[in-house]
Structures are given as structure tokens and as C-alpha cells.
Amino acid sequence: MVSFRDVTESHKAGIGIIYQELNLIPHLSVAANIFIGREPLTQFGTLDEKKMNTDAAAVLSRLNIRLDPTIILNKLPVSKQQMVEIAKALSLDSEVPHHG
């Protein structure tokens, strides 16, 4: 049996969690929800929204999920929101290509 001190430690071991209850923020974009807490930053320490959207599109594409990463989450039906939750969990252990 393996045990972890916290969620961060389990993520480092490649274990993601997909909650039955959605653990997303409805007023943020799909991309922001996928990378919440792991947002890419510019060299100046500000949010790199372009990279976040590009990386989110890559994660969604790899999972064959057709969603605009810039759409606000609460504009989507619950079934699509669940797909975002899955993409978020799977993105924790994925290598997202770096652009620009």
C-alpha cells in the first residue's frame, strides 16, 4: 500500500483525481480551469494567457475534446464541463508542447 502526505505529492507520482462533483470555477474560461494553480507566466511574472489557451487547446485536442479553451465554463452544458474536469486531471501528468 502506498500513501501520500497530500494531493501535490500524489500528483508528482502521476496520480490524478477526477471528482464526481465538479471541482471547477464556473466564471473562468476552460483554459483557466484546466491550469488553475499552474498558470503559465511570462518572463515578467504575469499570466501568459496566450500560452495557457494554446496549451489547453493541445490538451483538449489530444483527448479528442472539441472545445474552445477561451469559452467561459458556465456557458457549457454539464457534460462538457465534466470533460474539462477530465482534461484538467489528465493534464497534470502530461507534457504540453511549448509554443513561442
N, C-alpha and C. Protein backbone atom coordinates (compact mmCIF):
# COMPACT_ATOMS: atom_id res chain seq x y z
N MET A 1 0.85 -1.17 0.00
CA MET A 1 0.00 0.00 0.00
C MET A 1 0.90 1.24 0.00
N VAL A 2 0.50 2.23 -0.78
CA VAL A 2 1.23 3.48 -0.87
C VAL A 2 0.36 4.57 -0.28
N SER A 3 0.99 5.46 0.47
CA SER A 3 0.24 6.60 0.99
C SER A 3 1.01 7.88 0.69
N PHE A 4 0.26 8.96 0.57
CA PHE A 4 0.82 10.26 0.24
C PHE A 4 0.45 11.25 1.32
N ARG A 5 1.33 12.23 1.53
CA ARG A 5 1.06 13.26 2.53
C ARG A 5 -0.03 14.22 2.07
N ASP A 6 -0.07 14.50 0.75
CA ASP A 6 -1.04 15.47 0.24
C ASP A 6 -1.26 15.25 -1.25
N VAL A 7 -2.18 16.02 -1.82
CA VAL A 7 -2.53 15.89 -3.23
C VAL A 7 -1.34 16.21 -4.13
N THR A 8 -0.54 17.20 -3.75
CA THR A 8 0.62 17.56 -4.55
C THR A 8 1.59 16.38 -4.67
N GLU A 9 1.81 15.68 -3.60
CA GLU A 9 2.70 14.52 -3.62
C GLU A 9 2.15 13.42 -4.53
N SER A 10 0.84 13.20 -4.47
CA SER A 10 0.25 12.17 -5.34
C SER A 10 0.33 12.59 -6.81
N HIS A 11 0.16 13.89 -7.11
CA HIS A 11 0.29 14.38 -8.49
C HIS A 11 1.70 14.14 -9.01
N LYS A 12 2.69 14.36 -8.16
CA LYS A 12 4.09 14.14 -8.56
C LYS A 12 4.34 12.67 -8.89
N ALA A 13 3.56 11.79 -8.28
CA ALA A 13 3.68 10.35 -8.55
C ALA A 13 2.85 9.93 -9.77
N GLY A 14 2.19 10.91 -10.41
CA GLY A 14 1.42 10.61 -11.62
C GLY A 14 -0.01 10.20 -11.37
N ILE A 15 -0.52 10.47 -10.18
CA ILE A 15 -1.89 10.10 -9.85
C ILE A 15 -2.76 11.35 -9.89
N GLY A 16 -3.78 11.32 -10.75
CA GLY A 16 -4.71 12.43 -10.85
C GLY A 16 -6.04 12.04 -10.23
N ILE A 17 -6.81 13.04 -9.86
CA ILE A 17 -8.11 12.80 -9.24
C ILE A 17 -9.17 13.43 -10.12
N ILE A 18 -10.20 12.66 -10.41
CA ILE A 18 -11.35 13.18 -11.12
C ILE A 18 -12.53 13.05 -10.17
N TYR A 19 -13.04 14.19 -9.71
CA TYR A 19 -14.11 14.19 -8.73
C TYR A 19 -15.46 13.99 -9.41
N GLN A 20 -16.35 13.29 -8.72
CA GLN A 20 -17.70 13.14 -9.25
C GLN A 20 -18.39 14.50 -9.24
N GLU A 21 -18.20 15.24 -8.18
CA GLU A 21 -18.68 16.61 -8.13
C GLU A 21 -17.66 17.48 -8.86
N LEU A 22 -18.12 18.37 -9.70
CA LEU A 22 -17.20 19.21 -10.46
C LEU A 22 -16.43 20.12 -9.52
N ASN A 23 -15.12 20.16 -9.73
CA ASN A 23 -14.24 20.99 -8.92
C ASN A 23 -13.67 22.10 -9.81
N LEU A 24 -14.58 22.85 -10.42
CA LEU A 24 -14.22 23.87 -11.40
C LEU A 24 -14.79 25.22 -10.97
N ILE A 25 -14.29 26.27 -11.59
CA ILE A 25 -14.76 27.62 -11.28
C ILE A 25 -15.57 28.12 -12.48
N PRO A 26 -16.89 28.21 -12.33
CA PRO A 26 -17.79 28.48 -13.45
C PRO A 26 -17.53 29.77 -14.22
N HIS A 27 -17.05 30.83 -13.56
CA HIS A 27 -16.89 32.12 -14.24
C HIS A 27 -15.52 32.27 -14.92
N LEU A 28 -14.69 31.23 -14.87
CA LEU A 28 -13.40 31.26 -15.57
C LEU A 28 -13.49 30.49 -16.88
N SER A 29 -12.53 30.71 -17.75
CA SER A 29 -12.51 30.01 -19.04
C SER A 29 -12.16 28.54 -18.86
N VAL A 30 -12.38 27.78 -19.93
CA VAL A 30 -11.99 26.37 -19.95
C VAL A 30 -10.49 26.25 -19.66
N ALA A 31 -9.67 27.05 -20.35
CA ALA A 31 -8.22 27.00 -20.17
C ALA A 31 -7.83 27.33 -18.73
N ALA A 32 -8.42 28.36 -18.16
CA ALA A 32 -8.09 28.75 -16.79
C ALA A 32 -8.44 27.64 -15.81
N ASN A 33 -9.54 26.92 -16.07
CA ASN A 33 -9.91 25.81 -15.20
C ASN A 33 -8.94 24.64 -15.35
N ILE A 34 -8.48 24.37 -16.54
CA ILE A 34 -7.54 23.26 -16.75
C ILE A 34 -6.23 23.53 -16.02
N PHE A 35 -5.77 24.77 -16.03
CA PHE A 35 -4.46 25.10 -15.46
C PHE A 35 -4.52 25.87 -14.14
N ILE A 36 -5.66 25.84 -13.47
CA ILE A 36 -5.80 26.59 -12.22
C ILE A 36 -4.71 26.16 -11.22
N GLY A 37 -4.00 27.15 -10.72
CA GLY A 37 -2.90 26.89 -9.80
C GLY A 37 -1.59 26.54 -10.48
N ARG A 38 -1.63 26.38 -11.80
CA ARG A 38 -0.43 26.03 -12.58
C ARG A 38 -0.35 26.91 -13.82
N GLU A 39 -0.87 28.12 -13.73
CA GLU A 39 -0.95 29.02 -14.86
C GLU A 39 0.44 29.38 -15.37
N PRO A 40 0.63 29.36 -16.71
CA PRO A 40 1.93 29.77 -17.25
C PRO A 40 2.12 31.28 -17.10
N LEU A 41 3.34 31.66 -16.81
CA LEU A 41 3.64 33.08 -16.59
C LEU A 41 4.64 33.58 -17.63
N THR A 42 4.57 34.86 -17.89
CA THR A 42 5.54 35.49 -18.79
C THR A 42 6.82 35.70 -18.00
N GLN A 43 7.84 36.18 -18.69
CA GLN A 43 9.11 36.46 -18.02
C GLN A 43 8.97 37.57 -16.98
N PHE A 44 7.87 38.31 -17.05
CA PHE A 44 7.62 39.40 -16.11
C PHE A 44 6.73 38.97 -14.94
N GLY A 45 6.35 37.69 -14.92
CA GLY A 45 5.55 37.15 -13.83
C GLY A 45 4.06 37.38 -13.97
N THR A 46 3.61 37.81 -15.14
CA THR A 46 2.17 37.99 -15.37
C THR A 46 1.63 36.77 -16.11
N LEU A 47 0.33 36.62 -16.06
CA LEU A 47 -0.32 35.49 -16.72
C LEU A 47 -0.05 35.51 -18.21
N ASP A 48 0.41 34.37 -18.75
CA ASP A 48 0.62 34.23 -20.18
C ASP A 48 -0.63 33.56 -20.75
N GLU A 49 -1.65 34.39 -20.99
CA GLU A 49 -2.95 33.87 -21.41
C GLU A 49 -2.88 33.17 -22.77
N LYS A 50 -2.06 33.70 -23.67
CA LYS A 50 -1.93 33.08 -24.99
C LYS A 50 -1.38 31.66 -24.86
N LYS A 51 -0.34 31.49 -24.06
CA LYS A 51 0.26 30.16 -23.86
C LYS A 51 -0.73 29.23 -23.16
N MET A 52 -1.44 29.77 -22.16
CA MET A 52 -2.40 28.95 -21.45
C MET A 52 -3.49 28.44 -22.40
N ASN A 53 -3.99 29.31 -23.29
CA ASN A 53 -5.01 28.90 -24.25
C ASN A 53 -4.46 27.90 -25.26
N THR A 54 -3.23 28.13 -25.72
CA THR A 54 -2.60 27.21 -26.68
C THR A 54 -2.37 25.84 -26.04
N ASP A 55 -1.86 25.84 -24.81
CA ASP A 55 -1.61 24.58 -24.11
C ASP A 55 -2.92 23.85 -23.80
N ALA A 56 -3.95 24.59 -23.42
CA ALA A 56 -5.26 23.98 -23.15
C ALA A 56 -5.82 23.36 -24.43
N ALA A 57 -5.68 24.07 -25.54
CA ALA A 57 -6.15 23.53 -26.82
C ALA A 57 -5.42 22.24 -27.16
N ALA A 58 -4.13 22.16 -26.85
CA ALA A 58 -3.34 20.96 -27.11
C ALA A 58 -3.82 19.79 -26.24
N VAL A 59 -4.09 20.06 -24.98
CA VAL A 59 -4.60 19.02 -24.07
C VAL A 59 -5.96 18.52 -24.55
N LEU A 60 -6.85 19.44 -24.87
CA LEU A 60 -8.19 19.07 -25.34
C LEU A 60 -8.11 18.28 -26.64
N SER A 61 -7.26 18.71 -27.55
CA SER A 61 -7.11 18.04 -28.84
C SER A 61 -6.60 16.61 -28.66
N ARG A 62 -5.62 16.46 -27.79
CA ARG A 62 -5.04 15.13 -27.54
C ARG A 62 -6.10 14.17 -27.00
N LEU A 63 -7.10 14.71 -26.31
CA LEU A 63 -8.18 13.89 -25.75
C LEU A 63 -9.40 13.83 -26.67
N ASN A 64 -9.24 14.40 -27.87
CA ASN A 64 -10.35 14.46 -28.84
C ASN A 64 -11.58 15.17 -28.29
N ILE A 65 -11.34 16.22 -27.51
CA ILE A 65 -12.41 17.05 -26.97
C ILE A 65 -12.41 18.35 -27.76
N ARG A 66 -13.51 18.60 -28.44
CA ARG A 66 -13.62 19.81 -29.26
C ARG A 66 -14.29 20.93 -28.47
N LEU A 67 -13.46 21.76 -27.86
CA LEU A 67 -13.95 22.90 -27.09
C LEU A 67 -13.03 24.07 -27.31
N ASP A 68 -13.60 25.25 -27.35
CA ASP A 68 -12.82 26.48 -27.42
C ASP A 68 -12.28 26.74 -26.01
N PRO A 69 -10.95 26.78 -25.83
CA PRO A 69 -10.40 26.97 -24.49
C PRO A 69 -10.70 28.33 -23.88
N THR A 70 -11.16 29.30 -24.70
CA THR A 70 -11.44 30.63 -24.18
C THR A 70 -12.88 30.80 -23.69
N ILE A 71 -13.74 29.81 -23.96
CA ILE A 71 -15.14 29.94 -23.56
C ILE A 71 -15.26 29.87 -22.04
N ILE A 72 -16.18 30.65 -21.50
CA ILE A 72 -16.43 30.64 -20.06
C ILE A 72 -17.17 29.35 -19.71
N LEU A 73 -16.68 28.69 -18.69
CA LEU A 73 -17.16 27.35 -18.33
C LEU A 73 -18.67 27.27 -18.16
N ASN A 74 -19.27 28.26 -17.49
CA ASN A 74 -20.71 28.16 -17.21
C ASN A 74 -21.58 28.32 -18.46
N LYS A 75 -20.98 28.58 -19.61
CA LYS A 75 -21.71 28.63 -20.88
C LYS A 75 -21.87 27.22 -21.47
N LEU A 76 -21.20 26.24 -20.86
CA LEU A 76 -21.20 24.88 -21.38
C LEU A 76 -22.19 24.00 -20.61
N PRO A 77 -22.74 22.99 -21.28
CA PRO A 77 -23.57 22.03 -20.55
C PRO A 77 -22.71 21.22 -19.57
N VAL A 78 -23.33 20.63 -18.58
CA VAL A 78 -22.61 19.88 -17.56
C VAL A 78 -21.76 18.77 -18.18
N SER A 79 -22.22 18.13 -19.24
CA SER A 79 -21.44 17.06 -19.86
C SER A 79 -20.09 17.57 -20.38
N LYS A 80 -20.08 18.77 -20.94
CA LYS A 80 -18.83 19.38 -21.43
C LYS A 80 -17.96 19.83 -20.25
N GLN A 81 -18.59 20.31 -19.20
CA GLN A 81 -17.84 20.70 -18.01
C GLN A 81 -17.13 19.48 -17.41
N GLN A 82 -17.79 18.32 -17.45
CA GLN A 82 -17.16 17.09 -16.96
C GLN A 82 -15.94 16.74 -17.81
N MET A 83 -16.02 17.00 -19.11
CA MET A 83 -14.86 16.76 -19.98
C MET A 83 -13.70 17.66 -19.59
N VAL A 84 -14.01 18.90 -19.23
CA VAL A 84 -12.97 19.84 -18.78
C VAL A 84 -12.32 19.31 -17.51
N GLU A 85 -13.13 18.78 -16.59
CA GLU A 85 -12.61 18.20 -15.35
C GLU A 85 -11.66 17.05 -15.66
N ILE A 86 -12.02 16.21 -16.62
CA ILE A 86 -11.16 15.09 -17.01
C ILE A 86 -9.87 15.61 -17.65
N ALA A 87 -9.99 16.59 -18.53
CA ALA A 87 -8.80 17.18 -19.18
C ALA A 87 -7.88 17.79 -18.13
N LYS A 88 -8.46 18.43 -17.14
CA LYS A 88 -7.67 19.04 -16.05
C LYS A 88 -6.88 17.96 -15.31
N ALA A 89 -7.55 16.88 -14.94
CA ALA A 89 -6.87 15.81 -14.21
C ALA A 89 -5.77 15.17 -15.05
N LEU A 90 -6.06 14.91 -16.31
CA LEU A 90 -5.08 14.26 -17.17
C LEU A 90 -3.93 15.19 -17.54
N SER A 91 -4.17 16.48 -17.53
CA SER A 91 -3.11 17.43 -17.88
C SER A 91 -2.04 17.53 -16.79
N LEU A 92 -2.35 17.08 -15.61
CA LEU A 92 -1.39 17.18 -14.51
C LEU A 92 -0.12 16.38 -14.77
N ASP A 93 -0.26 15.30 -15.55
CA ASP A 93 0.89 14.44 -15.80
C ASP A 93 1.26 14.42 -17.28
N SER A 94 0.82 15.43 -18.02
CA SER A 94 1.10 15.42 -19.46
C SER A 94 2.16 16.43 -19.80
N GLU A 95 2.84 16.16 -20.86
CA GLU A 95 3.83 17.10 -21.39
C GLU A 95 3.12 17.92 -22.45
N VAL A 96 2.85 19.16 -22.13
CA VAL A 96 2.19 20.05 -23.08
C VAL A 96 3.26 20.72 -23.93
N PRO A 97 3.10 20.70 -25.25
CA PRO A 97 4.13 21.32 -26.09
C PRO A 97 4.24 22.81 -25.82
N HIS A 98 5.47 23.31 -25.84
CA HIS A 98 5.71 24.74 -25.62
C HIS A 98 5.73 25.44 -26.96
N HIS A 99 4.99 26.52 -27.05
CA HIS A 99 4.93 27.31 -28.29
C HIS A 99 5.48 28.70 -28.01
N GLY A 100 6.23 29.21 -29.00
CA GLY A 100 6.71 30.59 -28.95
C GLY A 100 7.65 30.79 -27.85
